[in-house]
Structures are given as structure tokens and as C-alpha cells.
N, C-alpha and C. Protein backbone atom coordinates (compact mmCIF):
# COMPACT_ATOMS: atom_id res chain seq x y z
N MET A 1 0.85 -1.18 0.00
CA MET A 1 0.00 0.00 0.00
C MET A 1 0.89 1.23 0.00
N GLN A 2 0.54 2.15 -0.83
CA GLN A 2 1.28 3.40 -0.96
C GLN A 2 1.04 4.28 0.26
N HIS A 3 2.07 5.02 0.67
CA HIS A 3 1.92 5.97 1.78
C HIS A 3 1.51 7.32 1.20
N PHE A 4 0.44 7.87 1.70
CA PHE A 4 -0.07 9.14 1.20
C PHE A 4 0.13 10.24 2.24
N THR A 5 0.35 11.44 1.74
CA THR A 5 0.36 12.63 2.59
C THR A 5 -1.00 13.30 2.43
N TRP A 6 -1.58 13.71 3.54
CA TRP A 6 -2.91 14.30 3.55
C TRP A 6 -2.79 15.79 3.82
N SER A 7 -3.35 16.60 2.94
CA SER A 7 -3.36 18.04 3.14
C SER A 7 -4.41 18.37 4.22
N PRO A 8 -4.32 19.56 4.81
CA PRO A 8 -5.35 19.94 5.81
C PRO A 8 -6.77 19.89 5.23
N LYS A 9 -6.93 20.30 3.98
CA LYS A 9 -8.26 20.27 3.35
C LYS A 9 -8.74 18.83 3.16
N GLU A 10 -7.83 17.93 2.76
CA GLU A 10 -8.18 16.52 2.60
C GLU A 10 -8.53 15.90 3.94
N LYS A 11 -7.79 16.26 4.98
CA LYS A 11 -8.07 15.74 6.32
C LYS A 11 -9.46 16.15 6.77
N GLN A 12 -9.83 17.39 6.50
CA GLN A 12 -11.15 17.89 6.87
C GLN A 12 -12.26 17.14 6.13
N LEU A 13 -12.08 16.94 4.83
CA LEU A 13 -13.05 16.20 4.02
C LEU A 13 -13.14 14.75 4.50
N ALA A 14 -11.99 14.13 4.72
CA ALA A 14 -11.96 12.73 5.16
C ALA A 14 -12.70 12.56 6.48
N ARG A 15 -12.46 13.47 7.41
CA ARG A 15 -13.11 13.39 8.72
C ARG A 15 -14.64 13.49 8.57
N LYS A 16 -15.08 14.43 7.73
CA LYS A 16 -16.52 14.63 7.52
C LYS A 16 -17.17 13.38 6.92
N VAL A 17 -16.56 12.82 5.88
CA VAL A 17 -17.11 11.63 5.22
C VAL A 17 -17.10 10.44 6.18
N PHE A 18 -15.99 10.27 6.88
CA PHE A 18 -15.84 9.17 7.84
C PHE A 18 -16.91 9.26 8.93
N GLU A 19 -17.05 10.43 9.54
CA GLU A 19 -18.00 10.58 10.63
C GLU A 19 -19.44 10.42 10.18
N ARG A 20 -19.75 10.88 8.98
CA ARG A 20 -21.12 10.73 8.46
C ARG A 20 -21.45 9.24 8.25
N ALA A 21 -20.51 8.50 7.67
CA ALA A 21 -20.73 7.07 7.44
C ALA A 21 -20.84 6.31 8.76
N ALA A 22 -19.96 6.63 9.70
CA ALA A 22 -19.98 5.96 11.00
C ALA A 22 -21.29 6.24 11.73
N ALA A 23 -21.74 7.48 11.71
CA ALA A 23 -22.98 7.84 12.40
C ALA A 23 -24.19 7.12 11.79
N ALA A 24 -24.21 7.02 10.47
CA ALA A 24 -25.32 6.32 9.81
C ALA A 24 -25.33 4.84 10.19
N GLU A 25 -24.15 4.23 10.23
CA GLU A 25 -24.09 2.81 10.59
C GLU A 25 -24.43 2.61 12.06
N GLU A 26 -24.01 3.53 12.91
CA GLU A 26 -24.36 3.45 14.33
C GLU A 26 -25.88 3.44 14.49
N GLN A 27 -26.57 4.31 13.78
CA GLN A 27 -28.03 4.36 13.85
C GLN A 27 -28.66 3.06 13.39
N GLU A 28 -28.13 2.50 12.29
CA GLU A 28 -28.65 1.22 11.79
C GLU A 28 -28.48 0.12 12.83
N LEU A 29 -27.30 0.08 13.45
CA LEU A 29 -27.04 -0.94 14.48
C LEU A 29 -27.97 -0.77 15.66
N LEU A 30 -28.13 0.45 16.13
CA LEU A 30 -29.03 0.70 17.26
C LEU A 30 -30.45 0.26 16.96
N GLU A 31 -30.94 0.62 15.78
CA GLU A 31 -32.30 0.24 15.41
C GLU A 31 -32.44 -1.27 15.30
N ARG A 32 -31.46 -1.91 14.69
CA ARG A 32 -31.52 -3.37 14.53
C ARG A 32 -31.56 -4.07 15.89
N PHE A 33 -30.70 -3.64 16.82
CA PHE A 33 -30.64 -4.33 18.10
C PHE A 33 -31.79 -3.95 19.03
N LYS A 34 -32.33 -2.76 18.87
CA LYS A 34 -33.54 -2.41 19.63
C LYS A 34 -34.69 -3.32 19.22
N THR A 35 -34.83 -3.52 17.92
CA THR A 35 -35.89 -4.39 17.40
C THR A 35 -35.71 -5.82 17.89
N LYS A 36 -34.47 -6.31 17.84
CA LYS A 36 -34.23 -7.67 18.31
C LYS A 36 -34.48 -7.80 19.81
N ALA A 37 -34.13 -6.78 20.58
CA ALA A 37 -34.29 -6.84 22.03
C ALA A 37 -35.76 -6.94 22.42
N VAL A 38 -36.61 -6.27 21.67
CA VAL A 38 -38.04 -6.31 21.95
C VAL A 38 -38.58 -7.74 21.78
N GLY A 39 -38.00 -8.47 20.87
CA GLY A 39 -38.48 -9.82 20.58
C GLY A 39 -37.89 -10.92 21.44
N LEU A 40 -37.10 -10.59 22.45
CA LEU A 40 -36.50 -11.62 23.30
C LEU A 40 -37.57 -12.40 24.05
N LYS A 41 -37.42 -13.73 24.03
CA LYS A 41 -38.41 -14.58 24.70
C LYS A 41 -37.80 -15.40 25.83
N ASN A 42 -36.49 -15.64 25.75
CA ASN A 42 -35.83 -16.47 26.76
C ASN A 42 -34.34 -16.13 26.82
N LEU A 43 -33.65 -16.79 27.73
CA LEU A 43 -32.21 -16.53 27.89
C LEU A 43 -31.40 -16.90 26.65
N GLU A 44 -31.83 -17.93 25.97
CA GLU A 44 -31.14 -18.31 24.74
C GLU A 44 -31.15 -17.17 23.73
N ASP A 45 -32.29 -16.52 23.61
CA ASP A 45 -32.41 -15.36 22.72
C ASP A 45 -31.48 -14.24 23.18
N LEU A 46 -31.42 -14.04 24.49
CA LEU A 46 -30.56 -13.00 25.05
C LEU A 46 -29.09 -13.28 24.74
N TRP A 47 -28.65 -14.53 24.93
CA TRP A 47 -27.25 -14.86 24.65
C TRP A 47 -26.95 -14.71 23.16
N ALA A 48 -27.90 -15.08 22.34
CA ALA A 48 -27.71 -14.93 20.89
C ALA A 48 -27.60 -13.44 20.52
N LEU A 49 -28.41 -12.62 21.15
CA LEU A 49 -28.33 -11.18 20.90
C LEU A 49 -27.00 -10.63 21.38
N GLN A 50 -26.57 -11.07 22.54
CA GLN A 50 -25.28 -10.62 23.07
C GLN A 50 -24.14 -11.00 22.11
N PHE A 51 -24.18 -12.21 21.59
CA PHE A 51 -23.16 -12.65 20.64
C PHE A 51 -23.19 -11.77 19.38
N ALA A 52 -24.39 -11.50 18.87
CA ALA A 52 -24.53 -10.67 17.67
C ALA A 52 -24.01 -9.26 17.92
N ILE A 53 -24.26 -8.73 19.10
CA ILE A 53 -23.77 -7.39 19.44
C ILE A 53 -22.24 -7.39 19.47
N ARG A 54 -21.65 -8.38 20.08
CA ARG A 54 -20.17 -8.46 20.13
C ARG A 54 -19.57 -8.56 18.73
N GLU A 55 -20.17 -9.38 17.89
CA GLU A 55 -19.68 -9.53 16.53
C GLU A 55 -19.80 -8.21 15.76
N SER A 56 -20.92 -7.54 15.94
CA SER A 56 -21.12 -6.25 15.26
C SER A 56 -20.14 -5.21 15.78
N GLU A 57 -19.88 -5.23 17.07
CA GLU A 57 -18.90 -4.29 17.64
C GLU A 57 -17.51 -4.54 17.05
N ARG A 58 -17.12 -5.80 16.97
CA ARG A 58 -15.81 -6.16 16.42
C ARG A 58 -15.69 -5.68 14.97
N GLU A 59 -16.72 -5.94 14.19
CA GLU A 59 -16.71 -5.53 12.78
C GLU A 59 -16.69 -4.00 12.65
N TYR A 60 -17.48 -3.34 13.48
CA TYR A 60 -17.53 -1.88 13.44
C TYR A 60 -16.16 -1.28 13.79
N GLN A 61 -15.56 -1.79 14.86
CA GLN A 61 -14.25 -1.27 15.28
C GLN A 61 -13.18 -1.52 14.21
N GLN A 62 -13.24 -2.64 13.56
CA GLN A 62 -12.31 -2.96 12.48
C GLN A 62 -12.52 -2.05 11.28
N LYS A 63 -13.76 -1.80 10.95
CA LYS A 63 -14.10 -1.02 9.77
C LYS A 63 -13.75 0.45 9.94
N TYR A 64 -14.13 1.02 11.07
CA TYR A 64 -13.98 2.46 11.27
C TYR A 64 -12.68 2.77 12.01
N ASP A 65 -11.59 2.68 11.27
CA ASP A 65 -10.24 2.93 11.78
C ASP A 65 -9.75 4.24 11.18
N TYR A 66 -9.81 5.31 11.98
CA TYR A 66 -9.44 6.62 11.44
C TYR A 66 -7.96 6.91 11.66
N ARG A 67 -7.14 6.09 11.05
CA ARG A 67 -5.71 6.40 10.96
C ARG A 67 -5.46 6.71 9.49
N TYR A 68 -4.69 7.77 9.25
CA TYR A 68 -4.46 8.17 7.86
C TYR A 68 -3.85 7.04 7.06
N SER A 69 -3.08 6.18 7.70
CA SER A 69 -2.49 5.04 6.99
C SER A 69 -3.54 4.02 6.57
N GLN A 70 -4.75 4.09 7.16
CA GLN A 70 -5.80 3.12 6.88
C GLN A 70 -6.98 3.69 6.10
N LEU A 71 -7.05 5.01 5.97
CA LEU A 71 -8.25 5.63 5.41
C LEU A 71 -8.57 5.21 3.98
N ILE A 72 -7.56 4.99 3.16
CA ILE A 72 -7.83 4.58 1.78
C ILE A 72 -8.58 3.24 1.78
N VAL A 73 -8.12 2.32 2.60
CA VAL A 73 -8.77 1.01 2.70
C VAL A 73 -10.17 1.15 3.31
N VAL A 74 -10.29 1.98 4.33
CA VAL A 74 -11.60 2.21 4.95
C VAL A 74 -12.57 2.78 3.92
N PHE A 75 -12.15 3.80 3.19
CA PHE A 75 -13.03 4.41 2.20
C PHE A 75 -13.38 3.43 1.08
N ALA A 76 -12.43 2.61 0.68
CA ALA A 76 -12.71 1.62 -0.36
C ALA A 76 -13.79 0.65 0.11
N ARG A 77 -13.69 0.21 1.35
CA ARG A 77 -14.71 -0.70 1.89
C ARG A 77 -16.07 -0.02 1.98
N LEU A 78 -16.08 1.24 2.41
CA LEU A 78 -17.34 1.96 2.52
C LEU A 78 -17.97 2.20 1.15
N VAL A 79 -17.15 2.44 0.13
CA VAL A 79 -17.67 2.58 -1.24
C VAL A 79 -18.24 1.25 -1.69
N ARG A 80 -17.50 0.17 -1.47
CA ARG A 80 -17.95 -1.17 -1.88
C ARG A 80 -19.27 -1.53 -1.20
N GLU A 81 -19.44 -1.13 0.06
CA GLU A 81 -20.67 -1.41 0.81
C GLU A 81 -21.77 -0.38 0.52
N GLU A 82 -21.46 0.58 -0.35
CA GLU A 82 -22.39 1.65 -0.74
C GLU A 82 -22.81 2.51 0.45
N ARG A 83 -21.93 2.67 1.41
CA ARG A 83 -22.16 3.57 2.55
C ARG A 83 -21.73 4.99 2.21
N ILE A 84 -20.78 5.10 1.27
CA ILE A 84 -20.38 6.38 0.71
C ILE A 84 -20.22 6.18 -0.79
N SER A 85 -20.11 7.29 -1.51
CA SER A 85 -19.88 7.21 -2.96
C SER A 85 -18.54 7.87 -3.27
N MET A 86 -18.06 7.62 -4.46
CA MET A 86 -16.82 8.28 -4.89
C MET A 86 -17.02 9.79 -4.92
N ASP A 87 -18.22 10.23 -5.22
CA ASP A 87 -18.51 11.67 -5.22
C ASP A 87 -18.29 12.29 -3.85
N ASP A 88 -18.58 11.52 -2.79
CA ASP A 88 -18.36 12.03 -1.43
C ASP A 88 -16.88 12.35 -1.19
N LEU A 89 -16.01 11.68 -1.93
CA LEU A 89 -14.57 11.82 -1.73
C LEU A 89 -13.93 12.85 -2.66
N ARG A 90 -14.74 13.48 -3.52
CA ARG A 90 -14.19 14.50 -4.41
C ARG A 90 -13.58 15.61 -3.56
N GLY A 91 -12.35 15.93 -3.87
CA GLY A 91 -11.58 16.87 -3.06
C GLY A 91 -10.32 16.21 -2.56
N LEU A 92 -10.30 14.87 -2.60
CA LEU A 92 -9.06 14.15 -2.33
C LEU A 92 -8.22 14.17 -3.60
N SER A 93 -6.93 13.98 -3.45
CA SER A 93 -6.05 13.99 -4.62
C SER A 93 -6.42 12.86 -5.58
N GLU A 94 -6.06 13.04 -6.82
CA GLU A 94 -6.38 12.07 -7.86
C GLU A 94 -5.78 10.70 -7.55
N ASP A 95 -4.56 10.66 -7.00
CA ASP A 95 -3.95 9.37 -6.69
C ASP A 95 -4.70 8.65 -5.57
N LYS A 96 -5.21 9.38 -4.60
CA LYS A 96 -6.00 8.75 -3.54
C LYS A 96 -7.32 8.22 -4.09
N LEU A 97 -7.97 9.02 -4.92
CA LEU A 97 -9.24 8.59 -5.52
C LEU A 97 -9.06 7.33 -6.36
N LYS A 98 -7.99 7.28 -7.16
CA LYS A 98 -7.74 6.10 -7.98
C LYS A 98 -7.49 4.87 -7.11
N CYS A 99 -6.77 5.06 -6.03
CA CYS A 99 -6.48 3.95 -5.13
C CYS A 99 -7.77 3.44 -4.47
N VAL A 100 -8.60 4.36 -3.99
CA VAL A 100 -9.88 3.97 -3.38
C VAL A 100 -10.73 3.22 -4.40
N GLU A 101 -10.82 3.77 -5.58
CA GLU A 101 -11.63 3.16 -6.64
C GLU A 101 -11.12 1.76 -6.99
N GLY A 102 -9.81 1.63 -7.10
CA GLY A 102 -9.22 0.32 -7.42
C GLY A 102 -9.49 -0.71 -6.35
N LEU A 103 -9.29 -0.32 -5.10
CA LEU A 103 -9.54 -1.25 -3.99
C LEU A 103 -11.02 -1.59 -3.84
N ALA A 104 -11.87 -0.61 -4.10
CA ALA A 104 -13.32 -0.85 -3.98
C ALA A 104 -13.79 -1.86 -5.03
N ALA A 105 -13.10 -1.91 -6.15
CA ALA A 105 -13.48 -2.82 -7.23
C ALA A 105 -13.07 -4.27 -6.96
N LEU A 106 -12.19 -4.48 -6.01
CA LEU A 106 -11.73 -5.84 -5.71
C LEU A 106 -12.83 -6.71 -5.14
């Protein structure tokens, strides 16, 4: 993976896109688990919900890694998952955009 330098303007854009995607996914997770919690009927259901929450937390923490060394990969995954679009990233340098686009296509 290529090492990129981030300008202050790119850092500002990256933070905005990152936080918007993270907030949207947080809301989805909260809604999903609230719905599941309402339907609990026994302890087995509770343990299954607890397991699902832990798995979702692990995936979320892995996905939303705001280190500049990881952002290209993070953005590529978010594009692939359709949580953000390439248009959201306009303002990043052309080499960063090409890298995100290439990785998202994998």
C-alpha cells in the first residue's frame, strides 16, 4: 500500500465523510438491536443477541479505523458497501481517488 500525505483540506473532508458514514451505521445498528431486544423470549435469545452485538462491535471497530495510513482502505470498503460514494470523496487527490476506486473494485 502506498503511503499518502494528507493536506489539511483533505483531512477535513476525510473526517466529515468518515463521521457521516460511522454515524449512519451506528443508527442502523441501534435500530436493529432495539428491534431484536423487543423480541426476546428467553435466555437463549438474550445470549444470541449478546453474541450478535459483540460480533457487530468487532466488525464496526475494524471497519472504522481513522488512521491516515488506513483511510484509503476504509473508504474503499465503505464505497464497496455503498455507505459512501466516490462523489463524497471529491476533493481528495487524484492518486488517492484512484487507489480507493481500485480497492473498492476488488
